[in-house]
Amino acid sequence: MKTDLINDLGGPAVVARMTGRRVPTVIEWRHRGAVPPMAAPLIELHTRGDRSVEDICPGTPWERVPDAGWPHPGGRPVIAPVSSAQARELIANTTLSAAAAATEGVAA
């Protein structure tokens, strides 16, 4: 993270409430220096667009879907589909622990 986003937002307990995660999970994000992409839209929503997903997770291929109810003028963020070549590159550059952390709480 460029700055300590988690502290800027009020600390791990506040971010845990925003994202529906446990405080220790958010503390781990801070230690890793990255918020998982699946949590970024919740932070954007709770900050009323003050923190955009593009700023929270700059390496993620974000697109916007028009949504007048979403606080960002571009609309609701979604992770853009990628080609298989791009997917292989993303997978090659993702550690197993980062991938597991990004999917924490996601039902199989």
C-alpha atoms as a PDB file:
ATOM      1  CA  MET A   1       0.000   0.000   0.000  1.00  0.00           C
ATOM      2  CA  LYS A   2       1.307   3.440  -0.870  1.00  0.00           C
ATOM      3  CA  THR A   3       0.333   4.701   2.563  1.00  0.00           C
ATOM      4  CA  ASP A   4      -0.953   2.783   5.517  1.00  0.00           C
ATOM      5  CA  LEU A   5      -4.493   2.623   4.169  1.00  0.00           C
ATOM      6  CA  ILE A   6      -5.755   0.527   7.066  1.00  0.00           C
ATOM      7  CA  ASN A   7      -4.614   3.031   9.686  1.00  0.00           C
ATOM      8  CA  ASP A   8      -5.848   5.935   7.541  1.00  0.00           C
ATOM      9  CA  LEU A   9      -9.323   4.359   7.550  1.00  0.00           C
ATOM     10  CA  GLY A  10      -9.376   4.046  11.334  1.00  0.00           C
ATOM     11  CA  GLY A  11      -7.448   0.855  12.016  1.00  0.00           C
ATOM     12  CA  PRO A  12      -7.938  -2.879  11.627  1.00  0.00           C
ATOM     13  CA  ALA A  13     -11.216  -3.034  13.583  1.00  0.00           C
ATOM     14  CA  VAL A  14     -12.852  -0.401  11.365  1.00  0.00           C
ATOM     15  CA  VAL A  15     -11.642  -2.050   8.149  1.00  0.00           C
ATOM     16  CA  ALA A  16     -12.749  -5.463   9.465  1.00  0.00           C
ATOM     17  CA  ARG A  17     -16.279  -4.081   9.949  1.00  0.00           C
ATOM     18  CA  MET A  18     -16.217  -2.507   6.466  1.00  0.00           C
ATOM     19  CA  THR A  19     -15.206  -5.751   4.786  1.00  0.00           C
ATOM     20  CA  GLY A  20     -16.873  -8.368   6.988  1.00  0.00           C
ATOM     21  CA  ARG A  21     -13.514  -9.902   7.888  1.00  0.00           C
ATOM     22  CA  ARG A  22     -11.901 -10.660  11.239  1.00  0.00           C
ATOM     23  CA  VAL A  23      -9.450  -8.162  12.749  1.00  0.00           C
ATOM     24  CA  PRO A  24      -6.476 -10.604  12.561  1.00  0.00           C
ATOM     25  CA  THR A  25      -7.141 -10.993   8.823  1.00  0.00           C
ATOM     26  CA  VAL A  26      -6.975  -7.226   8.305  1.00  0.00           C
ATOM     27  CA  ILE A  27      -3.800  -7.045  10.391  1.00  0.00           C
ATOM     28  CA  GLU A  28      -2.281  -9.662   8.057  1.00  0.00           C
ATOM     29  CA  TRP A  29      -3.243  -7.508   5.044  1.00  0.00           C
ATOM     30  CA  ARG A  30      -1.391  -4.609   6.646  1.00  0.00           C
ATOM     31  CA  HIS A  31       1.692  -6.777   7.249  1.00  0.00           C
ATOM     32  CA  ARG A  32       1.588  -7.973   3.626  1.00  0.00           C
ATOM     33  CA  GLY A  33       1.073  -4.417   2.439  1.00  0.00           C
ATOM     34  CA  ALA A  34      -1.925  -5.322   0.276  1.00  0.00           C
ATOM     35  CA  VAL A  35      -5.698  -5.482   0.544  1.00  0.00           C
ATOM     36  CA  PRO A  36      -7.174  -8.382  -1.461  1.00  0.00           C
ATOM     37  CA  PRO A  37      -9.117  -7.259  -4.549  1.00  0.00           C
ATOM     38  CA  MET A  38     -12.333  -8.875  -3.266  1.00  0.00           C
ATOM     39  CA  ALA A  39     -12.318  -6.467  -0.282  1.00  0.00           C
ATOM     40  CA  ALA A  40     -11.522  -3.294  -2.252  1.00  0.00           C
ATOM     41  CA  PRO A  41     -15.088  -2.587  -3.493  1.00  0.00           C
ATOM     42  CA  LEU A  42     -16.400  -2.753   0.075  1.00  0.00           C
ATOM     43  CA  ILE A  43     -13.821  -0.190   1.164  1.00  0.00           C
ATOM     44  CA  GLU A  44     -14.700   2.018  -1.806  1.00  0.00           C
ATOM     45  CA  LEU A  45     -18.387   1.760  -0.896  1.00  0.00           C
ATOM     46  CA  HIS A  46     -17.867   2.496   2.807  1.00  0.00           C
ATOM     47  CA  THR A  47     -15.616   5.475   2.065  1.00  0.00           C
ATOM     48  CA  ARG A  48     -18.241   6.796  -0.398  1.00  0.00           C
ATOM     49  CA  GLY A  49     -15.718   6.614  -3.211  1.00  0.00           C
ATOM     50  CA  ASP A  50     -12.996   8.544  -1.384  1.00  0.00           C
ATOM     51  CA  ARG A  51     -10.765   5.464  -1.746  1.00  0.00           C
ATOM     52  CA  SER A  52     -11.157   3.901  -5.179  1.00  0.00           C
ATOM     53  CA  VAL A  53     -10.495   0.262  -5.961  1.00  0.00           C
ATOM     54  CA  GLU A  54      -7.930   1.410  -8.515  1.00  0.00           C
ATOM     55  CA  ASP A  55      -5.964   3.089  -5.704  1.00  0.00           C
ATOM     56  CA  ILE A  56      -6.467   0.240  -3.223  1.00  0.00           C
ATOM     57  CA  CYS A  57      -5.457  -2.543  -5.675  1.00  0.00           C
ATOM     58  CA  PRO A  58      -3.631  -0.879  -8.572  1.00  0.00           C
ATOM     59  CA  GLY A  59      -2.463  -4.164 -10.112  1.00  0.00           C
ATOM     60  CA  THR A  60      -5.989  -5.520 -10.535  1.00  0.00           C
ATOM     61  CA  PRO A  61      -7.666  -5.139 -13.956  1.00  0.00           C
ATOM     62  CA  TRP A  62     -10.710  -3.112 -12.855  1.00  0.00           C
ATOM     63  CA  GLU A  63     -13.608  -2.083 -15.060  1.00  0.00           C
ATOM     64  CA  ARG A  64     -16.684  -0.060 -14.123  1.00  0.00           C
ATOM     65  CA  VAL A  65     -20.335  -0.939 -14.648  1.00  0.00           C
ATOM     66  CA  PRO A  66     -22.722   2.022 -14.736  1.00  0.00           C
ATOM     67  CA  ASP A  67     -24.539   2.234 -11.412  1.00  0.00           C
ATOM     68  CA  ALA A  68     -26.055   5.542 -10.299  1.00  0.00           C
ATOM     69  CA  GLY A  69     -26.297   4.208  -6.735  1.00  0.00           C
ATOM     70  CA  TRP A  70     -22.569   3.563  -6.429  1.00  0.00           C
ATOM     71  CA  PRO A  71     -20.506   6.413  -4.913  1.00  0.00           C
ATOM     72  CA  HIS A  72     -17.851   6.461  -7.672  1.00  0.00           C
ATOM     73  CA  PRO A  73     -18.882   8.481 -10.763  1.00  0.00           C
ATOM     74  CA  GLY A  74     -17.661   5.685 -13.044  1.00  0.00           C
ATOM     75  CA  GLY A  75     -20.015   3.165 -11.452  1.00  0.00           C
ATOM     76  CA  ARG A  76     -19.617  -0.145  -9.657  1.00  0.00           C
ATOM     77  CA  PRO A  77     -16.174  -1.805  -9.902  1.00  0.00           C
ATOM     78  CA  VAL A  78     -15.761  -5.291 -11.310  1.00  0.00           C
ATOM     79  CA  ILE A  79     -12.634  -7.278 -12.010  1.00  0.00           C
ATOM     80  CA  ALA A  80     -12.226  -7.391 -15.765  1.00  0.00           C
ATOM     81  CA  PRO A  81     -12.079 -10.730 -17.509  1.00  0.00           C
ATOM     82  CA  VAL A  82      -8.609 -11.565 -18.737  1.00  0.00           C
ATOM     83  CA  SER A  83      -7.292 -13.691 -21.550  1.00  0.00           C
ATOM     84  CA  SER A  84      -5.763 -17.067 -20.749  1.00  0.00           C
ATOM     85  CA  ALA A  85      -2.299 -15.626 -21.398  1.00  0.00           C
ATOM     86  CA  GLN A  86      -2.984 -12.797 -18.973  1.00  0.00           C
ATOM     87  CA  ALA A  87      -4.380 -15.282 -16.449  1.00  0.00           C
ATOM     88  CA  ARG A  88      -1.217 -17.395 -16.662  1.00  0.00           C
ATOM     89  CA  GLU A  89       0.892 -14.280 -16.091  1.00  0.00           C
ATOM     90  CA  LEU A  90      -1.232 -13.226 -13.100  1.00  0.00           C
ATOM     91  CA  ILE A  91      -1.012 -16.726 -11.630  1.00  0.00           C
ATOM     92  CA  ALA A  92       2.741 -16.853 -12.167  1.00  0.00           C
ATOM     93  CA  ASN A  93       3.109 -13.560 -10.302  1.00  0.00           C
ATOM     94  CA  THR A  94       0.837 -14.509  -7.397  1.00  0.00           C
ATOM     95  CA  THR A  95       2.147 -16.386  -4.409  1.00  0.00           C
ATOM     96  CA  LEU A  96       0.082 -19.186  -2.964  1.00  0.00           C
ATOM     97  CA  SER A  97      -0.364 -17.336   0.346  1.00  0.00           C
ATOM     98  CA  ALA A  98      -1.550 -14.171  -1.432  1.00  0.00           C
ATOM     99  CA  ALA A  99      -4.028 -16.182  -3.488  1.00  0.00           C
ATOM    100  CA  ALA A 100      -5.342 -17.933  -0.379  1.00  0.00           C
ATOM    101  CA  ALA A 101      -5.689 -14.620   1.470  1.00  0.00           C
ATOM    102  CA  ALA A 102      -7.512 -13.054  -1.476  1.00  0.00           C
ATOM    103  CA  THR A 103     -10.116 -15.811  -1.432  1.00  0.00           C
ATOM    104  CA  GLU A 104     -10.577 -15.980   2.346  1.00  0.00           C
ATOM    105  CA  GLY A 105     -14.226 -16.182   3.183  1.00  0.00           C
ATOM    106  CA  VAL A 106     -15.253 -17.025  -0.387  1.00  0.00           C
ATOM    107  CA  ALA A 107     -17.421 -20.140  -0.484  1.00  0.00           C
ATOM    108  CA  ALA A 108     -16.198 -22.925  -2.738  1.00  0.00           C
END
